[in-house]
C-alpha atoms as a PDB file:
ATOM      1  CA  MET A   1     -80.261 -77.635  59.843  1.00  0.00           C
ATOM      2  CA  PRO A   2     -78.100 -79.741  62.159  1.00  0.00           C
ATOM      3  CA  LYS A   3     -79.380 -83.129  63.254  1.00  0.00           C
ATOM      4  CA  THR A   4     -79.605 -84.370  66.832  1.00  0.00           C
ATOM      5  CA  ILE A   5     -78.768 -87.857  68.097  1.00  0.00           C
ATOM      6  CA  PHE A   6     -81.619 -88.762  70.451  1.00  0.00           C
ATOM      7  CA  ASP A   7     -80.405 -92.201  71.490  1.00  0.00           C
ATOM      8  CA  TYR A   8     -77.454 -94.510  70.845  1.00  0.00           C
ATOM      9  CA  LYS A   9     -77.071 -98.161  71.764  1.00  0.00           C
ATOM     10  CA  ALA A  10     -74.606-100.906  70.897  1.00  0.00           C
ATOM     11  CA  SER A  11     -74.291-104.645  71.307  1.00  0.00           C
ATOM     12  CA  VAL A  12     -70.779-106.095  71.062  1.00  0.00           C
ATOM     13  CA  PRO A  13     -70.858-109.824  71.825  1.00  0.00           C
ATOM     14  CA  THR A  14     -67.177-110.013  70.854  1.00  0.00           C
ATOM     15  CA  SER A  15     -64.698-107.472  69.535  1.00  0.00           C
ATOM     16  CA  GLY A  16     -62.004-109.926  68.502  1.00  0.00           C
ATOM     17  CA  SER A  17     -61.446-112.082  65.449  1.00  0.00           C
ATOM     18  CA  GLN A  18     -61.684-115.848  65.963  1.00  0.00           C
ATOM     19  CA  THR A  19     -63.168-115.431  69.451  1.00  0.00           C
ATOM     20  CA  LEU A  20     -66.469-117.222  68.663  1.00  0.00           C
ATOM     21  CA  ASN A  21     -67.435-120.510  67.079  1.00  0.00           C
ATOM     22  CA  ARG A  22     -71.180-120.388  66.335  1.00  0.00           C
ATOM     23  CA  ASN A  23     -72.497-122.380  63.374  1.00  0.00           C
ATOM     24  CA  ILE A  24     -74.820-120.518  61.014  1.00  0.00           C
ATOM     25  CA  PRO A  25     -77.943-122.668  60.498  1.00  0.00           C
ATOM     26  CA  THR A  26     -79.683-123.328  57.183  1.00  0.00           C
ATOM     27  CA  SER A  27     -82.740-121.181  56.388  1.00  0.00           C
ATOM     28  CA  PRO A  28     -85.441-120.886  57.666  1.00  0.00           C
ATOM     29  CA  THR A  29     -83.613-121.365  60.985  1.00  0.00           C
ATOM     30  CA  THR A  30     -81.560-118.329  62.029  1.00  0.00           C
ATOM     31  CA  ILE A  31     -79.027-117.388  64.648  1.00  0.00           C
ATOM     32  CA  LYS A  32     -79.416-114.071  66.496  1.00  0.00           C
ATOM     33  CA  LEU A  33     -76.020-112.404  66.625  1.00  0.00           C
ATOM     34  CA  ALA A  34     -76.707-109.156  68.496  1.00  0.00           C
ATOM     35  CA  ALA A  35     -79.598-106.993  69.769  1.00  0.00           C
ATOM     36  CA  PHE A  36     -80.335-103.798  71.679  1.00  0.00           C
ATOM     37  CA  GLY A  37     -83.264-101.551  72.625  1.00  0.00           C
ATOM     38  CA  LEU A  38     -83.463 -98.030  71.190  1.00  0.00           C
ATOM     39  CA  PHE A  39     -85.702 -95.057  72.013  1.00  0.00           C
ATOM     40  CA  VAL A  40     -87.181 -93.371  68.928  1.00  0.00           C
ATOM     41  CA  PRO A  41     -88.879 -90.034  69.728  1.00  0.00           C
ATOM     42  CA  GLU A  42     -91.443 -88.343  67.437  1.00  0.00           C
ATOM     43  CA  GLN A  43     -88.825 -86.011  65.936  1.00  0.00           C
ATOM     44  CA  THR A  44     -86.779 -88.944  64.579  1.00  0.00           C
ATOM     45  CA  ASP A  45     -86.145 -88.797  60.825  1.00  0.00           C
ATOM     46  CA  PHE A  46     -84.269 -92.091  60.670  1.00  0.00           C
ATOM     47  CA  VAL A  47     -82.402 -94.734  62.645  1.00  0.00           C
ATOM     48  CA  ASP A  48     -78.862 -95.439  61.439  1.00  0.00           C
ATOM     49  CA  LEU A  49     -77.869 -99.070  62.082  1.00  0.00           C
ATOM     50  CA  GLN A  50     -74.344-100.397  61.555  1.00  0.00           C
ATOM     51  CA  GLY A  51     -72.863-103.830  62.078  1.00  0.00           C
ATOM     52  CA  THR A  52     -69.753-105.938  61.623  1.00  0.00           C
ATOM     53  CA  ILE A  53     -69.638-109.732  61.525  1.00  0.00           C
ATOM     54  CA  GLY A  54     -66.628-112.030  61.164  1.00  0.00           C
ATOM     55  CA  ILE A  55     -67.459-115.232  59.257  1.00  0.00           C
ATOM     56  CA  GLN A  56     -65.504-118.338  58.330  1.00  0.00           C
ATOM     57  CA  ALA A  57     -66.502-120.619  55.451  1.00  0.00           C
ATOM     58  CA  THR A  58     -66.057-124.101  56.890  1.00  0.00           C
ATOM     59  CA  ALA A  59     -67.044-126.048  53.760  1.00  0.00           C
ATOM     60  CA  LEU A  60     -67.525-125.196  50.083  1.00  0.00           C
ATOM     61  CA  ASN A  61     -68.999-121.768  49.179  1.00  0.00           C
ATOM     62  CA  PRO A  62     -71.779-120.750  51.561  1.00  0.00           C
ATOM     63  CA  SER A  63     -74.227-117.932  50.866  1.00  0.00           C
ATOM     64  CA  ILE A  64     -75.339-116.144  54.036  1.00  0.00           C
ATOM     65  CA  LEU A  65     -78.372-113.916  54.491  1.00  0.00           C
ATOM     66  CA  ILE A  66     -78.006-111.161  57.102  1.00  0.00           C
ATOM     67  CA  LYS A  67     -81.313-109.701  58.369  1.00  0.00           C
ATOM     68  CA  VAL A  68     -81.937-106.652  60.553  1.00  0.00           C
ATOM     69  CA  PHE A  69     -85.209-106.512  62.507  1.00  0.00           C
ATOM     70  CA  ARG A  70     -87.172-103.748  64.208  1.00  0.00           C
ATOM     71  CA  ASP A  71     -89.059-105.761  66.817  1.00  0.00           C
ATOM     72  CA  THR A  72     -90.343-108.704  64.699  1.00  0.00           C
ATOM     73  CA  GLY A  73     -90.317-107.058  61.255  1.00  0.00           C
ATOM     74  CA  VAL A  74     -87.423-107.341  58.798  1.00  0.00           C
ATOM     75  CA  ILE A  75     -86.206-103.883  57.715  1.00  0.00           C
ATOM     76  CA  PHE A  76     -82.974-104.831  55.913  1.00  0.00           C
ATOM     77  CA  THR A  77     -81.383-107.852  54.230  1.00  0.00           C
ATOM     78  CA  SER A  78     -77.971-108.448  52.689  1.00  0.00           C
ATOM     79  CA  ARG A  79     -76.653-111.592  51.036  1.00  0.00           C
ATOM     80  CA  ILE A  80     -72.990-112.513  51.430  1.00  0.00           C
ATOM     81  CA  SER A  81     -71.118-115.217  49.532  1.00  0.00           C
ATOM     82  CA  ILE A  82     -67.850-116.616  50.823  1.00  0.00           C
ATOM     83  CA  ASP A  83     -65.395-118.712  48.836  1.00  0.00           C
ATOM     84  CA  ALA A  84     -63.761-121.170  51.217  1.00  0.00           C
ATOM     85  CA  ASP A  85     -60.737-121.473  48.913  1.00  0.00           C
ATOM     86  CA  LEU A  86     -60.050-117.740  48.594  1.00  0.00           C
ATOM     87  CA  ALA A  87     -61.273-116.142  51.813  1.00  0.00           C
ATOM     88  CA  GLU A  88     -61.343-118.517  54.718  1.00  0.00           C
ATOM     89  CA  PHE A  89     -62.114-115.643  57.121  1.00  0.00           C
ATOM     90  CA  GLN A  90     -64.131-112.640  56.051  1.00  0.00           C
ATOM     91  CA  THR A  91     -65.203-109.597  58.056  1.00  0.00           C
ATOM     92  CA  VAL A  92     -68.386-108.072  56.675  1.00  0.00           C
ATOM     93  CA  SER A  93     -69.715-104.619  57.565  1.00  0.00           C
ATOM     94  CA  PHE A  94     -73.159-103.285  56.706  1.00  0.00           C
ATOM     95  CA  GLN A  95     -75.294-100.194  57.233  1.00  0.00           C
ATOM     96  CA  ALA A  96     -79.093-100.072  57.277  1.00  0.00           C
ATOM     97  CA  ILE A  97     -81.313 -96.991  57.523  1.00  0.00           C
ATOM     98  CA  ASP A  98     -84.755 -97.293  59.128  1.00  0.00           C
ATOM     99  CA  ILE A  99     -86.493 -94.269  57.560  1.00  0.00           C
ATOM    100  CA  SER A 100     -89.252 -92.450  59.488  1.00  0.00           C
ATOM    101  CA  PRO A 101     -89.919 -95.132  62.107  1.00  0.00           C
ATOM    102  CA  PRO A 102     -92.928 -94.510  64.353  1.00  0.00           C
ATOM    103  CA  ALA A 103     -92.151 -93.085  67.802  1.00  0.00           C
ATOM    104  CA  GLY A 104     -91.572 -95.696  70.494  1.00  0.00           C
ATOM    105  CA  PHE A 105     -89.043 -98.020  72.072  1.00  0.00           C
ATOM    106  CA  TYR A 106     -87.862-100.817  69.778  1.00  0.00           C
ATOM    107  CA  SER A 107     -85.736-103.907  69.867  1.00  0.00           C
ATOM    108  CA  TYR A 108     -83.301-103.951  66.940  1.00  0.00           C
ATOM    109  CA  SER A 109     -81.554-107.239  66.183  1.00  0.00           C
ATOM    110  CA  VAL A 110     -79.388-108.883  63.535  1.00  0.00           C
ATOM    111  CA  THR A 111     -79.543-112.535  62.448  1.00  0.00           C
ATOM    112  CA  ALA A 112     -77.717-114.810  60.004  1.00  0.00           C
ATOM    113  CA  GLU A 113     -78.780-117.890  58.050  1.00  0.00           C
ATOM    114  CA  LEU A 114     -77.414-120.031  55.212  1.00  0.00           C
ATOM    115  CA  VAL A 115     -79.462-119.719  51.996  1.00  0.00           C
ATOM    116  CA  ALA A 116     -79.500-121.495  48.644  1.00  0.00           C
ATOM    117  CA  SER A 117     -76.551-123.572  49.758  1.00  0.00           C
ATOM    118  CA  ALA A 118     -75.548-127.062  48.794  1.00  0.00           C
ATOM    119  CA  ILE A 119     -76.031-129.662  51.507  1.00  0.00           C
ATOM    120  CA  LEU A 120     -72.320-129.564  52.360  1.00  0.00           C
ATOM    121  CA  ASP A 121     -71.981-125.739  52.494  1.00  0.00           C
ATOM    122  CA  SER A 122     -71.385-124.439  55.995  1.00  0.00           C
ATOM    123  CA  ALA A 123     -70.177-121.329  57.777  1.00  0.00           C
ATOM    124  CA  THR A 124     -69.389-120.193  61.291  1.00  0.00           C
ATOM    125  CA  VAL A 125     -69.509-116.818  63.009  1.00  0.00           C
ATOM    126  CA  VAL A 126     -65.996-116.346  64.392  1.00  0.00           C
ATOM    127  CA  GLY A 127     -66.016-112.675  65.421  1.00  0.00           C
ATOM    128  CA  PRO A 128     -65.894-109.842  65.679  1.00  0.00           C
ATOM    129  CA  VAL A 129     -69.625-109.175  66.131  1.00  0.00           C
ATOM    130  CA  SER A 130     -70.867-105.657  66.739  1.00  0.00           C
ATOM    131  CA  PHE A 131     -74.175-103.893  66.094  1.00  0.00           C
ATOM    132  CA  LYS A 132     -75.071-100.296  66.916  1.00  0.00           C
ATOM    133  CA  GLY A 133     -77.825 -97.808  66.249  1.00  0.00           C
ATOM    134  CA  PHE A 134     -78.566 -94.083  66.471  1.00  0.00           C
ATOM    135  CA  SER A 135     -81.987 -92.415  66.396  1.00  0.00           C
ATOM    136  CA  ILE A 136     -81.447 -89.115  64.564  1.00  0.00           C
ATOM    137  CA  GLY A 137     -83.680 -86.158  63.742  1.00  0.00           C
ATOM    138  CA  ASN A 138     -84.500 -82.498  64.260  1.00  0.00           C
ATOM    139  CA  ALA A 139     -84.551 -81.256  67.837  1.00  0.00           C
END
């Protein structure tokens, strides 16, 4: 049976590389990178969320935790390690699936934070930054 896209939203703070310079704070402090509101009707089987983030290691080898939220609850996490010597700039893409969310209107957002890093580890969001979502189900 074919699926139907009920709603689609995107947040694109910047579409270019090296167009931002936002420091990623050390956990538990986070930086919100992008957000949007999405309608999820009763027939929704899942919400497909996709994002891309350009990061620069500015010192040592930072480990970055990316979190995706539905309203205030974390629904996805991904840990990224960057070697400042080998990959000064890195563009990271991710996909998260929110399975069988309750019907409603939700705020989806993505954040970043440094985790388990040495005191001197640091990283910056440099772009691109994009985040999009589709509510999908049976019509």
